[in-house]
Amino acid sequence: MYVVSTCKHYVCTWIFHSSLLVLHLNMLLANSVGDNYFNYLETK
């Protein structure tokens, strides 16, 4: 029983952290793409 709950806890923690990481990467990517796009518009 204890092992199962530990595994569940580990999986939930991993899912939580990976979703946070994906969200963070998406924000970074969107920011860099947005900056490049605005710089491109300004140079035109």
PDB file of N, CA and C in Angstrom:
ATOM      1  N   MET A   1       0.834  -1.195   0.000  1.00  0.00           N
ATOM      2  CA  MET A   1       0.000   0.000   0.000  1.00  0.00           C
ATOM      3  C   MET A   1       0.870   1.247   0.000  1.00  0.00           C
ATOM      4  N   TYR A   2       1.874   1.241   0.870  1.00  0.00           N
ATOM      5  CA  TYR A   2       2.758   2.409   0.986  1.00  0.00           C
ATOM      6  C   TYR A   2       3.510   2.664  -0.321  1.00  0.00           C
ATOM      7  N   VAL A   3       3.965   1.580  -0.941  1.00  0.00           N
ATOM      8  CA  VAL A   3       4.720   1.713  -2.190  1.00  0.00           C
ATOM      9  C   VAL A   3       3.842   2.309  -3.288  1.00  0.00           C
ATOM     10  N   VAL A   4       2.599   1.858  -3.357  1.00  0.00           N
ATOM     11  CA  VAL A   4       1.676   2.351  -4.378  1.00  0.00           C
ATOM     12  C   VAL A   4       1.433   3.845  -4.200  1.00  0.00           C
ATOM     13  N   SER A   5       1.189   4.273  -2.967  1.00  0.00           N
ATOM     14  CA  SER A   5       0.930   5.697  -2.725  1.00  0.00           C
ATOM     15  C   SER A   5       2.172   6.525  -3.035  1.00  0.00           C
ATOM     16  N   THR A   6       3.353   5.974  -2.745  1.00  0.00           N
ATOM     17  CA  THR A   6       4.595   6.682  -3.049  1.00  0.00           C
ATOM     18  C   THR A   6       4.758   6.839  -4.558  1.00  0.00           C
ATOM     19  N   CYS A   7       4.452   5.775  -5.306  1.00  0.00           N
ATOM     20  CA  CYS A   7       4.538   5.840  -6.762  1.00  0.00           C
ATOM     21  C   CYS A   7       3.554   6.866  -7.312  1.00  0.00           C
ATOM     22  N   LYS A   8       2.334   6.856  -6.796  1.00  0.00           N
ATOM     23  CA  LYS A   8       1.331   7.821  -7.244  1.00  0.00           C
ATOM     24  C   LYS A   8       1.810   9.238  -6.967  1.00  0.00           C
ATOM     25  N   HIS A   9       2.347   9.445  -5.777  1.00  0.00           N
ATOM     26  CA  HIS A   9       2.837  10.771  -5.401  1.00  0.00           C
ATOM     27  C   HIS A   9       3.960  11.200  -6.345  1.00  0.00           C
ATOM     28  N   TYR A  10       4.859  10.269  -6.653  1.00  0.00           N
ATOM     29  CA  TYR A  10       5.988  10.571  -7.537  1.00  0.00           C
ATOM     30  C   TYR A  10       5.497  10.933  -8.932  1.00  0.00           C
ATOM     31  N   VAL A  11       4.526  10.162  -9.433  1.00  0.00           N
ATOM     32  CA  VAL A  11       3.982  10.416 -10.772  1.00  0.00           C
ATOM     33  C   VAL A  11       3.267  11.757 -10.811  1.00  0.00           C
ATOM     34  N   CYS A  12       2.465  12.046  -9.789  1.00  0.00           N
ATOM     35  CA  CYS A  12       1.751  13.326  -9.734  1.00  0.00           C
ATOM     36  C   CYS A  12       2.738  14.484  -9.689  1.00  0.00           C
ATOM     37  N   THR A  13       3.778  14.344  -8.888  1.00  0.00           N
ATOM     38  CA  THR A  13       4.793  15.394  -8.789  1.00  0.00           C
ATOM     39  C   THR A  13       5.483  15.590 -10.128  1.00  0.00           C
ATOM     40  N   TRP A  14       5.817  14.484 -10.796  1.00  0.00           N
ATOM     41  CA  TRP A  14       6.499  14.558 -12.091  1.00  0.00           C
ATOM     42  C   TRP A  14       5.611  15.237 -13.126  1.00  0.00           C
ATOM     43  N   ILE A  15       4.322  14.860 -13.153  1.00  0.00           N
ATOM     44  CA  ILE A  15       3.380  15.471 -14.102  1.00  0.00           C
ATOM     45  C   ILE A  15       3.264  16.963 -13.831  1.00  0.00           C
ATOM     46  N   PHE A  16       3.145  17.323 -12.551  1.00  0.00           N
ATOM     47  CA  PHE A  16       3.022  18.726 -12.165  1.00  0.00           C
ATOM     48  C   PHE A  16       4.241  19.516 -12.620  1.00  0.00           C
ATOM     49  N   HIS A  17       5.442  18.982 -12.335  1.00  0.00           N
ATOM     50  CA  HIS A  17       6.668  19.692 -12.697  1.00  0.00           C
ATOM     51  C   HIS A  17       6.859  19.766 -14.205  1.00  0.00           C
ATOM     52  N   SER A  18       6.544  18.694 -14.911  1.00  0.00           N
ATOM     53  CA  SER A  18       6.722  18.718 -16.366  1.00  0.00           C
ATOM     54  C   SER A  18       5.735  19.683 -17.016  1.00  0.00           C
ATOM     55  N   SER A  19       4.509  19.773 -16.479  1.00  0.00           N
ATOM     56  CA  SER A  19       3.550  20.724 -17.050  1.00  0.00           C
ATOM     57  C   SER A  19       4.000  22.154 -16.778  1.00  0.00           C
ATOM     58  N   LEU A  20       4.562  22.404 -15.587  1.00  0.00           N
ATOM     59  CA  LEU A  20       5.101  23.734 -15.285  1.00  0.00           C
ATOM     60  C   LEU A  20       6.250  24.058 -16.225  1.00  0.00           C
ATOM     61  N   LEU A  21       7.114  23.068 -16.457  1.00  0.00           N
ATOM     62  CA  LEU A  21       8.267  23.270 -17.330  1.00  0.00           C
ATOM     63  C   LEU A  21       7.817  23.584 -18.753  1.00  0.00           C
ATOM     64  N   VAL A  22       6.842  22.848 -19.249  1.00  0.00           N
ATOM     65  CA  VAL A  22       6.314  23.085 -20.597  1.00  0.00           C
ATOM     66  C   VAL A  22       5.711  24.480 -20.693  1.00  0.00           C
ATOM     67  N   LEU A  23       4.957  24.863 -19.662  1.00  0.00           N
ATOM     68  CA  LEU A  23       4.352  26.192 -19.640  1.00  0.00           C
ATOM     69  C   LEU A  23       5.432  27.261 -19.672  1.00  0.00           C
ATOM     70  N   HIS A  24       6.477  27.074 -18.875  1.00  0.00           N
ATOM     71  CA  HIS A  24       7.577  28.034 -18.811  1.00  0.00           C
ATOM     72  C   HIS A  24       8.288  28.133 -20.158  1.00  0.00           C
ATOM     73  N   LEU A  25       8.547  26.983 -20.781  1.00  0.00           N
ATOM     74  CA  LEU A  25       9.205  26.975 -22.089  1.00  0.00           C
ATOM     75  C   LEU A  25       8.342  27.658 -23.135  1.00  0.00           C
ATOM     76  N   ASN A  26       7.035  27.414 -23.095  1.00  0.00           N
ATOM     77  CA  ASN A  26       6.124  28.063 -24.040  1.00  0.00           C
ATOM     78  C   ASN A  26       6.157  29.573 -23.875  1.00  0.00           C
ATOM     79  N   MET A  27       6.191  30.043 -22.626  1.00  0.00           N
ATOM     80  CA  MET A  27       6.244  31.477 -22.367  1.00  0.00           C
ATOM     81  C   MET A  27       7.549  32.064 -22.893  1.00  0.00           C
ATOM     82  N   LEU A  28       8.663  31.374 -22.637  1.00  0.00           N
ATOM     83  CA  LEU A  28       9.962  31.850 -23.126  1.00  0.00           C
ATOM     84  C   LEU A  28       9.974  31.899 -24.645  1.00  0.00           C
ATOM     85  N   LEU A  29       9.463  30.850 -25.260  1.00  0.00           N
ATOM     86  CA  LEU A  29       9.422  30.763 -26.717  1.00  0.00           C
ATOM     87  C   LEU A  29       8.546  31.867 -27.290  1.00  0.00           C
ATOM     88  N   ALA A  30       7.375  32.069 -26.702  1.00  0.00           N
ATOM     89  CA  ALA A  30       6.464  33.106 -27.177  1.00  0.00           C
ATOM     90  C   ALA A  30       7.105  34.486 -27.029  1.00  0.00           C
ATOM     91  N   ASN A  31       7.803  34.712 -25.914  1.00  0.00           N
ATOM     92  CA  ASN A  31       8.456  36.002 -25.705  1.00  0.00           C
ATOM     93  C   ASN A  31       9.543  36.246 -26.742  1.00  0.00           C
ATOM     94  N   SER A  32      10.381  35.245 -27.003  1.00  0.00           N
ATOM     95  CA  SER A  32      11.469  35.427 -27.961  1.00  0.00           C
ATOM     96  C   SER A  32      10.917  35.608 -29.375  1.00  0.00           C
ATOM     97  N   VAL A  33       9.899  34.840 -29.736  1.00  0.00           N
ATOM     98  CA  VAL A  33       9.293  34.977 -31.061  1.00  0.00           C
ATOM     99  C   VAL A  33       8.636  36.340 -31.192  1.00  0.00           C
ATOM    100  N   GLY A  34       7.931  36.778 -30.146  1.00  0.00           N
ATOM    101  CA  GLY A  34       7.281  38.087 -30.157  1.00  0.00           C
ATOM    102  C   GLY A  34       8.294  39.204 -30.313  1.00  0.00           C
ATOM    103  N   ASP A  35       9.407  39.124 -29.568  1.00  0.00           N
ATOM    104  CA  ASP A  35      10.446  40.149 -29.659  1.00  0.00           C
ATOM    105  C   ASP A  35      11.037  40.193 -31.059  1.00  0.00           C
ATOM    106  N   ASN A  36      11.353  39.026 -31.608  1.00  0.00           N
ATOM    107  CA  ASN A  36      11.928  38.971 -32.950  1.00  0.00           C
ATOM    108  C   ASN A  36      10.956  39.521 -33.979  1.00  0.00           C
ATOM    109  N   TYR A  37       9.685  39.213 -33.809  1.00  0.00           N
ATOM    110  CA  TYR A  37       8.666  39.680 -34.748  1.00  0.00           C
ATOM    111  C   TYR A  37       8.543  41.202 -34.705  1.00  0.00           C
ATOM    112  N   PHE A  38       8.540  41.769 -33.501  1.00  0.00           N
ATOM    113  CA  PHE A  38       8.431  43.225 -33.386  1.00  0.00           C
ATOM    114  C   PHE A  38       9.692  43.910 -33.917  1.00  0.00           C
ATOM    115  N   ASN A  39      10.850  43.316 -33.668  1.00  0.00           N
ATOM    116  CA  ASN A  39      12.090  43.875 -34.212  1.00  0.00           C
ATOM    117  C   ASN A  39      12.058  43.843 -35.734  1.00  0.00           C
ATOM    118  N   TYR A  40      11.544  42.755 -36.286  1.00  0.00           N
ATOM    119  CA  TYR A  40      11.429  42.607 -37.737  1.00  0.00           C
ATOM    120  C   TYR A  40      10.488  43.666 -38.312  1.00  0.00           C
ATOM    121  N   LEU A  41       9.381  43.916 -37.629  1.00  0.00           N
ATOM    122  CA  LEU A  41       8.436  44.935 -38.095  1.00  0.00           C
ATOM    123  C   LEU A  41       9.063  46.325 -38.042  1.00  0.00           C
ATOM    124  N   GLU A  42       9.852  46.586 -37.014  1.00  0.00           N
ATOM    125  CA  GLU A  42      10.458  47.911 -36.865  1.00  0.00           C
ATOM    126  C   GLU A  42      11.505  48.174 -37.936  1.00  0.00           C
ATOM    127  N   THR A  43      12.196  47.120 -38.373  1.00  0.00           N
ATOM    128  CA  THR A  43      13.247  47.316 -39.375  1.00  0.00           C
ATOM    129  C   THR A  43      12.664  47.498 -40.769  1.00  0.00           C
ATOM    130  N   LYS A  44      11.417  47.121 -40.984  1.00  0.00           N
ATOM    131  CA  LYS A  44      10.808  47.243 -42.315  1.00  0.00           C
ATOM    132  C   LYS A  44      10.451  48.693 -42.617  1.00  0.00           C
TER     133      LYS A  44
END
